[in-house]
Amino acid sequence: MHLLRTQPGGFVADDNIADLGQTPAELVILCSGDSSLALLAEAAQQLPEDYPSLRLANPMQVQNHASVDLYVDEVLRHAKVILLSLHGGIGYWRYGIERLVELAERGVTLILVPGDDRPDPELSGLSTVAAEHRERLWHFLRQGGLGNALDFYHCLASAHLGRDYAWAEPQALPRTAIYHPHNANARLNDWQADGSPIGLWLRCCSTAPIYRLPIPVLLMCSASAYRRRASTPCLSRWPV
């Protein structure tokens, strides 16, 4: 076997030992979903300076037994709290979970939640925390969003690592929302205040780029422009 230092998104062959290159920390969060991992990494940049030491990793990068054993020895056995968010159930990381359960028997706080919206009693039942608390942490991750991610961190540290941060219950994000680079809860008038550049597409009928977008987009224009272009196909597809 060869010892390989992994890179984010990298592939390690089964006959090699993956080394994540991490040092020990009080809190270790393992997420098999790259989107959740990216969100937590982004939120971690905004944590207070006195936040407990933290490591984030994708368990799918340490698949074979030797890689798992190395990560346990170098990082996991030193942690006070380990949270695993796993897609696909126990079978997708069985040996890793077996090692986590061993650590829990030695006193490590272990929290196991599904990586998607479907409950997994077999996985979650191996946790060492109350079901209500575990469900709360799961919903923080499932709802997503920066606010939920920060409350997730604050809740974890307050419950298990001697901190006393303010946090709120998981907040459901709307199925549709308006994006604004400087306002997390933007409304239409936030864009109107900066002008209506998208209206240029409507006024010159240059809507081909809009049709190529993979998701519906709300297009803004002035009322007068809407009346003039009421027959524009783009408006009939995504009504204002």
C-alpha atoms as a PDB file:
ATOM      1  CA  MET A   1       0.000   0.000   0.000  1.00  0.00           C
ATOM      2  CA  HIS A   2       0.996   3.597  -0.587  1.00  0.00           C
ATOM      3  CA  LEU A   3       0.211   6.552   1.668  1.00  0.00           C
ATOM      4  CA  LEU A   4      -1.434   9.344  -0.345  1.00  0.00           C
ATOM      5  CA  ARG A   5      -2.325  12.878   0.737  1.00  0.00           C
ATOM      6  CA  THR A   6      -5.848  13.476  -0.516  1.00  0.00           C
ATOM      7  CA  GLN A   7      -7.162  16.579  -2.233  1.00  0.00           C
ATOM      8  CA  PRO A   8     -10.775  17.853  -2.117  1.00  0.00           C
ATOM      9  CA  GLY A   9     -12.801  15.855  -4.609  1.00  0.00           C
ATOM     10  CA  GLY A  10      -9.848  13.581  -5.282  1.00  0.00           C
ATOM     11  CA  PHE A  11      -9.961   9.823  -5.877  1.00  0.00           C
ATOM     12  CA  VAL A  12      -7.904   7.336  -3.908  1.00  0.00           C
ATOM     13  CA  ALA A  13      -7.582   3.767  -5.179  1.00  0.00           C
ATOM     14  CA  ASP A  14      -8.700   0.958  -2.874  1.00  0.00           C
ATOM     15  CA  ASP A  15      -5.145  -0.333  -2.463  1.00  0.00           C
ATOM     16  CA  ASN A  16      -3.815   3.004  -1.187  1.00  0.00           C
ATOM     17  CA  ILE A  17      -4.062   4.619   2.235  1.00  0.00           C
ATOM     18  CA  ALA A  18      -5.692   8.047   2.157  1.00  0.00           C
ATOM     19  CA  ASP A  19      -4.231  10.691   4.455  1.00  0.00           C
ATOM     20  CA  LEU A  20      -6.421  13.769   4.914  1.00  0.00           C
ATOM     21  CA  GLY A  21      -3.538  15.626   6.513  1.00  0.00           C
ATOM     22  CA  GLN A  22      -5.631  16.901   9.411  1.00  0.00           C
ATOM     23  CA  THR A  23      -4.634  17.472  13.019  1.00  0.00           C
ATOM     24  CA  PRO A  24      -6.836  16.719  16.063  1.00  0.00           C
ATOM     25  CA  ALA A  25      -9.747  18.969  17.040  1.00  0.00           C
ATOM     26  CA  GLU A  26     -12.498  19.028  19.650  1.00  0.00           C
ATOM     27  CA  LEU A  27     -15.258  18.874  17.035  1.00  0.00           C
ATOM     28  CA  VAL A  28     -15.118  16.786  13.861  1.00  0.00           C
ATOM     29  CA  ILE A  29     -17.921  16.963  11.302  1.00  0.00           C
ATOM     30  CA  LEU A  30     -18.044  14.394   8.514  1.00  0.00           C
ATOM     31  CA  CYS A  31     -20.394  15.013   5.569  1.00  0.00           C
ATOM     32  CA  SER A  32     -20.706  12.761   2.546  1.00  0.00           C
ATOM     33  CA  GLY A  33     -22.468  15.569   0.650  1.00  0.00           C
ATOM     34  CA  ASP A  34     -20.127  18.100  -0.927  1.00  0.00           C
ATOM     35  CA  SER A  35     -22.781  20.836  -0.886  1.00  0.00           C
ATOM     36  CA  SER A  36     -23.288  20.508   2.882  1.00  0.00           C
ATOM     37  CA  LEU A  37     -19.546  20.411   3.395  1.00  0.00           C
ATOM     38  CA  ALA A  38     -19.078  23.570   1.332  1.00  0.00           C
ATOM     39  CA  LEU A  39     -21.806  25.353   3.298  1.00  0.00           C
ATOM     40  CA  LEU A  40     -20.250  24.387   6.638  1.00  0.00           C
ATOM     41  CA  ALA A  41     -16.822  25.494   5.447  1.00  0.00           C
ATOM     42  CA  GLU A  42     -18.254  28.864   4.425  1.00  0.00           C
ATOM     43  CA  ALA A  43     -20.092  29.296   7.731  1.00  0.00           C
ATOM     44  CA  ALA A  44     -16.972  28.337   9.695  1.00  0.00           C
ATOM     45  CA  GLN A  45     -15.325  31.517   8.444  1.00  0.00           C
ATOM     46  CA  GLN A  46     -17.842  33.505  10.493  1.00  0.00           C
ATOM     47  CA  LEU A  47     -17.550  31.622  13.789  1.00  0.00           C
ATOM     48  CA  PRO A  48     -16.376  33.530  16.881  1.00  0.00           C
ATOM     49  CA  GLU A  49     -12.697  33.427  17.776  1.00  0.00           C
ATOM     50  CA  ASP A  50     -13.347  31.350  20.896  1.00  0.00           C
ATOM     51  CA  TYR A  51     -15.168  28.626  18.959  1.00  0.00           C
ATOM     52  CA  PRO A  52     -13.817  25.117  19.675  1.00  0.00           C
ATOM     53  CA  SER A  53     -11.276  23.667  17.263  1.00  0.00           C
ATOM     54  CA  LEU A  54     -13.010  22.197  14.232  1.00  0.00           C
ATOM     55  CA  ARG A  55     -12.293  19.787  11.398  1.00  0.00           C
ATOM     56  CA  LEU A  56     -14.471  19.107   8.355  1.00  0.00           C
ATOM     57  CA  ALA A  57     -14.070  16.112   6.061  1.00  0.00           C
ATOM     58  CA  ASN A  58     -15.858  13.904   3.556  1.00  0.00           C
ATOM     59  CA  PRO A  59     -15.847  10.304   4.836  1.00  0.00           C
ATOM     60  CA  MET A  60     -15.938   9.038   1.263  1.00  0.00           C
ATOM     61  CA  GLN A  61     -12.281  10.048   0.999  1.00  0.00           C
ATOM     62  CA  VAL A  62     -11.320   7.443   3.606  1.00  0.00           C
ATOM     63  CA  GLN A  63     -12.986   4.309   2.294  1.00  0.00           C
ATOM     64  CA  ASN A  64     -10.761   1.307   2.978  1.00  0.00           C
ATOM     65  CA  HIS A  65      -9.989  -0.042   6.448  1.00  0.00           C
ATOM     66  CA  ALA A  66      -6.421   1.222   6.540  1.00  0.00           C
ATOM     67  CA  SER A  67      -7.485   4.756   5.609  1.00  0.00           C
ATOM     68  CA  VAL A  68     -10.211   4.762   8.261  1.00  0.00           C
ATOM     69  CA  ASP A  69      -7.809   3.447  10.903  1.00  0.00           C
ATOM     70  CA  LEU A  70      -5.283   6.155  10.070  1.00  0.00           C
ATOM     71  CA  TYR A  71      -7.898   8.898  10.340  1.00  0.00           C
ATOM     72  CA  VAL A  72      -9.181   7.485  13.623  1.00  0.00           C
ATOM     73  CA  ASP A  73      -5.673   7.388  15.078  1.00  0.00           C
ATOM     74  CA  GLU A  74      -4.655  10.842  13.864  1.00  0.00           C
ATOM     75  CA  VAL A  75      -7.883  12.803  14.332  1.00  0.00           C
ATOM     76  CA  LEU A  76     -11.084  11.109  15.468  1.00  0.00           C
ATOM     77  CA  ARG A  77      -9.910   9.492  18.703  1.00  0.00           C
ATOM     78  CA  HIS A  78      -8.859  12.911  20.002  1.00  0.00           C
ATOM     79  CA  ALA A  79     -12.253  14.537  19.368  1.00  0.00           C
ATOM     80  CA  LYS A  80     -14.853  15.288  22.004  1.00  0.00           C
ATOM     81  CA  VAL A  81     -17.741  15.402  19.536  1.00  0.00           C
ATOM     82  CA  ILE A  82     -18.113  13.688  16.155  1.00  0.00           C
ATOM     83  CA  LEU A  83     -21.065  14.309  13.851  1.00  0.00           C
ATOM     84  CA  LEU A  84     -21.550  12.229  10.708  1.00  0.00           C
ATOM     85  CA  SER A  85     -24.029  13.143   7.966  1.00  0.00           C
ATOM     86  CA  LEU A  86     -24.131  10.156   5.611  1.00  0.00           C
ATOM     87  CA  HIS A  87     -25.947   9.436   2.357  1.00  0.00           C
ATOM     88  CA  GLY A  88     -27.043   5.895   1.592  1.00  0.00           C
ATOM     89  CA  GLY A  89     -27.136   4.417   5.072  1.00  0.00           C
ATOM     90  CA  ILE A  90     -24.701   2.414   7.161  1.00  0.00           C
ATOM     91  CA  GLY A  91     -23.657   0.200   4.263  1.00  0.00           C
ATOM     92  CA  TYR A  92     -21.906   3.089   2.512  1.00  0.00           C
ATOM     93  CA  TRP A  93     -19.351   3.519   5.303  1.00  0.00           C
ATOM     94  CA  ARG A  94     -19.821   0.463   7.496  1.00  0.00           C
ATOM     95  CA  TYR A  95     -16.293   0.056   8.822  1.00  0.00           C
ATOM     96  CA  GLY A  96     -16.015   3.763   9.539  1.00  0.00           C
ATOM     97  CA  ILE A  97     -19.224   3.663  11.563  1.00  0.00           C
ATOM     98  CA  GLU A  98     -17.994   0.615  13.464  1.00  0.00           C
ATOM     99  CA  ARG A  99     -14.928   2.584  14.504  1.00  0.00           C
ATOM    100  CA  LEU A 100     -17.066   5.576  15.467  1.00  0.00           C
ATOM    101  CA  VAL A 101     -19.200   3.371  17.708  1.00  0.00           C
ATOM    102  CA  GLU A 102     -16.025   2.126  19.398  1.00  0.00           C
ATOM    103  CA  LEU A 103     -15.016   5.719  20.081  1.00  0.00           C
ATOM    104  CA  ALA A 104     -18.475   6.446  21.483  1.00  0.00           C
ATOM    105  CA  GLU A 105     -18.045   3.556  23.907  1.00  0.00           C
ATOM    106  CA  ARG A 106     -14.932   5.325  25.183  1.00  0.00           C
ATOM    107  CA  GLY A 107     -16.815   8.556  25.841  1.00  0.00           C
ATOM    108  CA  VAL A 108     -16.815  10.489  22.572  1.00  0.00           C
ATOM    109  CA  THR A 109     -20.157  12.169  21.852  1.00  0.00           C
ATOM    110  CA  LEU A 110     -21.424  10.640  18.608  1.00  0.00           C
ATOM    111  CA  ILE A 111     -24.175  12.095  16.424  1.00  0.00           C
ATOM    112  CA  LEU A 112     -25.236  10.258  13.268  1.00  0.00           C
ATOM    113  CA  VAL A 113     -27.804  11.716  10.858  1.00  0.00           C
ATOM    114  CA  PRO A 114     -28.882  10.947   7.273  1.00  0.00           C
ATOM    115  CA  GLY A 115     -27.378  13.004   4.492  1.00  0.00           C
ATOM    116  CA  ASP A 116     -30.762  13.547   2.841  1.00  0.00           C
ATOM    117  CA  ASP A 117     -34.395  14.141   3.822  1.00  0.00           C
ATOM    118  CA  ARG A 118     -35.252  10.501   4.499  1.00  0.00           C
ATOM    119  CA  PRO A 119     -35.112   9.292   8.125  1.00  0.00           C
ATOM    120  CA  ASP A 120     -32.671   6.444   8.793  1.00  0.00           C
ATOM    121  CA  PRO A 121     -33.472   4.911  12.202  1.00  0.00           C
ATOM    122  CA  GLU A 122     -30.726   2.300  11.859  1.00  0.00           C
ATOM    123  CA  LEU A 123     -28.075   4.988  11.425  1.00  0.00           C
ATOM    124  CA  SER A 124     -29.479   7.605  13.793  1.00  0.00           C
ATOM    125  CA  GLY A 125     -30.089   5.039  16.517  1.00  0.00           C
ATOM    126  CA  LEU A 126     -26.338   4.642  17.018  1.00  0.00           C
ATOM    127  CA  SER A 127     -26.061   8.229  18.260  1.00  0.00           C
ATOM    128  CA  THR A 128     -25.310   8.930  21.915  1.00  0.00           C
ATOM    129  CA  VAL A 129     -27.453  12.080  22.207  1.00  0.00           C
ATOM    130  CA  ALA A 130     -31.168  12.609  22.784  1.00  0.00           C
ATOM    131  CA  ALA A 131     -33.366  12.030  19.741  1.00  0.00           C
ATOM    132  CA  GLU A 132     -34.840  15.548  19.862  1.00  0.00           C
ATOM    133  CA  HIS A 133     -31.392  17.129  19.821  1.00  0.00           C
ATOM    134  CA  ARG A 134     -30.215  14.845  17.027  1.00  0.00           C
ATOM    135  CA  GLU A 135     -33.284  15.677  14.923  1.00  0.00           C
ATOM    136  CA  ARG A 136     -32.673  19.391  15.430  1.00  0.00           C
ATOM    137  CA  LEU A 137     -29.101  19.121  14.169  1.00  0.00           C
ATOM    138  CA  TRP A 138     -30.278  17.052  11.217  1.00  0.00           C
ATOM    139  CA  HIS A 139     -32.844  19.699  10.251  1.00  0.00           C
ATOM    140  CA  PHE A 140     -30.245  22.463  10.446  1.00  0.00           C
ATOM    141  CA  LEU A 141     -28.307  20.631   7.746  1.00  0.00           C
ATOM    142  CA  ARG A 142     -31.321  19.668   5.668  1.00  0.00           C
ATOM    143  CA  GLN A 143     -32.781  23.177   5.546  1.00  0.00           C
ATOM    144  CA  GLY A 144     -29.432  24.651   4.545  1.00  0.00           C
ATOM    145  CA  GLY A 145     -28.599  28.319   4.276  1.00  0.00           C
ATOM    146  CA  LEU A 146     -25.922  30.305   6.066  1.00  0.00           C
ATOM    147  CA  GLY A 147     -28.135  31.230   9.014  1.00  0.00           C
ATOM    148  CA  ASN A 148     -29.027  27.609   9.735  1.00  0.00           C
ATOM    149  CA  ALA A 149     -25.390  26.568   9.383  1.00  0.00           C
ATOM    150  CA  LEU A 150     -24.271  29.138  11.959  1.00  0.00           C
ATOM    151  CA  ASP A 151     -27.043  28.116  14.357  1.00  0.00           C
ATOM    152  CA  PHE A 152     -25.994  24.492  13.815  1.00  0.00           C
ATOM    153  CA  TYR A 153     -22.469  25.327  14.936  1.00  0.00           C
ATOM    154  CA  HIS A 154     -23.645  27.419  17.879  1.00  0.00           C
ATOM    155  CA  CYS A 155     -26.073  24.721  19.021  1.00  0.00           C
ATOM    156  CA  LEU A 156     -23.404  22.014  18.868  1.00  0.00           C
ATOM    157  CA  ALA A 157     -20.847  23.983  20.847  1.00  0.00           C
ATOM    158  CA  SER A 158     -23.382  25.148  23.425  1.00  0.00           C
ATOM    159  CA  ALA A 159     -24.741  21.648  24.009  1.00  0.00           C
ATOM    160  CA  HIS A 160     -21.484  19.701  24.097  1.00  0.00           C
ATOM    161  CA  LEU A 161     -18.406  21.912  24.281  1.00  0.00           C
ATOM    162  CA  GLY A 162     -18.994  24.308  27.137  1.00  0.00           C
ATOM    163  CA  ARG A 163     -19.957  27.374  25.124  1.00  0.00           C
ATOM    164  CA  ASP A 164     -22.996  29.589  25.552  1.00  0.00           C
ATOM    165  CA  TYR A 165     -23.836  30.936  22.122  1.00  0.00           C
ATOM    166  CA  ALA A 166     -27.248  32.240  21.129  1.00  0.00           C
ATOM    167  CA  TRP A 167     -28.972  30.139  18.489  1.00  0.00           C
ATOM    168  CA  ALA A 168     -32.425  29.706  16.977  1.00  0.00           C
ATOM    169  CA  GLU A 169     -34.336  26.614  15.900  1.00  0.00           C
ATOM    170  CA  PRO A 170     -33.890  25.482  12.270  1.00  0.00           C
ATOM    171  CA  GLN A 171     -35.614  27.821   9.853  1.00  0.00           C
ATOM    172  CA  ALA A 172     -37.283  26.473   6.730  1.00  0.00           C
ATOM    173  CA  LEU A 173     -35.990  28.216   3.633  1.00  0.00           C
ATOM    174  CA  PRO A 174     -38.554  29.269   1.005  1.00  0.00           C
ATOM    175  CA  ARG A 175     -38.901  27.043  -2.047  1.00  0.00           C
ATOM    176  CA  THR A 176     -38.253  30.116  -4.172  1.00  0.00           C
ATOM    177  CA  ALA A 177     -36.416  33.285  -3.235  1.00  0.00           C
ATOM    178  CA  ILE A 178     -34.895  36.410  -4.704  1.00  0.00           C
ATOM    179  CA  TYR A 179     -31.112  36.476  -4.852  1.00  0.00           C
ATOM    180  CA  HIS A 180     -29.237  39.646  -4.006  1.00  0.00           C
ATOM    181  CA  PRO A 181     -25.456  39.742  -3.445  1.00  0.00           C
ATOM    182  CA  HIS A 182     -25.751  42.091  -0.455  1.00  0.00           C
ATOM    183  CA  ASN A 183     -29.077  41.135   1.146  1.00  0.00           C
ATOM    184  CA  ALA A 184     -29.885  37.638   2.386  1.00  0.00           C
ATOM    185  CA  ASN A 185     -33.623  38.445   2.628  1.00  0.00           C
ATOM    186  CA  ALA A 186     -33.975  40.486  -0.522  1.00  0.00           C
ATOM    187  CA  ARG A 187     -37.261  41.707  -1.938  1.00  0.00           C
ATOM    188  CA  LEU A 188     -38.105  42.973  -5.388  1.00  0.00           C
ATOM    189  CA  ASN A 189     -37.596  46.595  -4.386  1.00  0.00           C
ATOM    190  CA  ASP A 190     -33.991  45.832  -3.392  1.00  0.00           C
ATOM    191  CA  TRP A 191     -33.251  45.184  -7.053  1.00  0.00           C
ATOM    192  CA  GLN A 192     -35.476  48.027  -8.234  1.00  0.00           C
ATOM    193  CA  ALA A 193     -33.462  50.424  -6.088  1.00  0.00           C
ATOM    194  CA  ASP A 194     -30.384  49.533  -8.140  1.00  0.00           C
ATOM    195  CA  GLY A 195     -32.169  49.917 -11.475  1.00  0.00           C
ATOM    196  CA  SER A 196     -33.566  47.170 -13.675  1.00  0.00           C
ATOM    197  CA  PRO A 197     -30.779  45.961 -15.988  1.00  0.00           C
ATOM    198  CA  ILE A 198     -32.690  42.788 -16.851  1.00  0.00           C
ATOM    199  CA  GLY A 199     -35.337  44.990 -18.409  1.00  0.00           C
ATOM    200  CA  LEU A 200     -32.854  45.657 -21.210  1.00  0.00           C
ATOM    201  CA  TRP A 201     -33.177  42.058 -22.291  1.00  0.00           C
ATOM    202  CA  LEU A 202     -36.926  42.423 -22.551  1.00  0.00           C
ATOM    203  CA  ARG A 203     -36.855  45.732 -24.346  1.00  0.00           C
ATOM    204  CA  CYS A 204     -34.509  44.511 -27.055  1.00  0.00           C
ATOM    205  CA  CYS A 205     -35.971  40.969 -27.091  1.00  0.00           C
ATOM    206  CA  SER A 206     -32.537  39.488 -26.305  1.00  0.00           C
ATOM    207  CA  THR A 207     -33.996  36.725 -24.168  1.00  0.00           C
ATOM    208  CA  ALA A 208     -32.123  33.750 -25.626  1.00  0.00           C
ATOM    209  CA  PRO A 209     -29.714  33.537 -22.637  1.00  0.00           C
ATOM    210  CA  ILE A 210     -32.677  33.396 -20.253  1.00  0.00           C
ATOM    211  CA  TYR A 211     -34.178  30.405 -22.052  1.00  0.00           C
ATOM    212  CA  ARG A 212     -30.921  28.519 -21.672  1.00  0.00           C
ATOM    213  CA  LEU A 213     -30.944  28.810 -17.869  1.00  0.00           C
ATOM    214  CA  PRO A 214     -31.777  25.486 -16.134  1.00  0.00           C
ATOM    215  CA  ILE A 215     -34.266  27.023 -13.664  1.00  0.00           C
ATOM    216  CA  PRO A 216     -37.078  29.595 -13.863  1.00  0.00           C
ATOM    217  CA  VAL A 217     -35.956  33.179 -13.355  1.00  0.00           C
ATOM    218  CA  LEU A 218     -38.139  36.091 -12.294  1.00  0.00           C
ATOM    219  CA  LEU A 219     -37.585  38.944 -14.729  1.00  0.00           C
ATOM    220  CA  MET A 220     -38.151  42.498 -13.620  1.00  0.00           C
ATOM    221  CA  CYS A 221     -39.090  45.443 -15.775  1.00  0.00           C
ATOM    222  CA  SER A 222     -41.085  48.626 -15.380  1.00  0.00           C
ATOM    223  CA  ALA A 223     -44.866  48.585 -15.691  1.00  0.00           C
ATOM    224  CA  SER A 224     -44.720  50.564 -18.932  1.00  0.00           C
ATOM    225  CA  ALA A 225     -42.220  48.129 -20.421  1.00  0.00           C
ATOM    226  CA  TYR A 226     -44.444  45.238 -19.357  1.00  0.00           C
ATOM    227  CA  ARG A 227     -47.412  46.739 -21.175  1.00  0.00           C
ATOM    228  CA  ARG A 228     -45.344  47.315 -24.312  1.00  0.00           C
ATOM    229  CA  ARG A 229     -43.918  43.783 -24.254  1.00  0.00           C
ATOM    230  CA  ALA A 230     -46.911  41.854 -22.924  1.00  0.00           C
ATOM    231  CA  SER A 231     -46.659  39.435 -25.836  1.00  0.00           C
ATOM    232  CA  THR A 232     -42.968  38.665 -25.235  1.00  0.00           C
ATOM    233  CA  PRO A 233     -42.604  34.840 -24.903  1.00  0.00           C
ATOM    234  CA  CYS A 234     -40.280  35.269 -21.941  1.00  0.00           C
ATOM    235  CA  LEU A 235     -42.973  37.056 -19.966  1.00  0.00           C
ATOM    236  CA  SER A 236     -45.575  34.413 -20.705  1.00  0.00           C
ATOM    237  CA  ARG A 237     -43.172  31.737 -19.508  1.00  0.00           C
ATOM    238  CA  TRP A 238     -42.213  33.469 -16.264  1.00  0.00           C
ATOM    239  CA  PRO A 239     -44.962  35.990 -15.507  1.00  0.00           C
ATOM    240  CA  VAL A 240     -43.998  39.061 -13.515  1.00  0.00           C
END
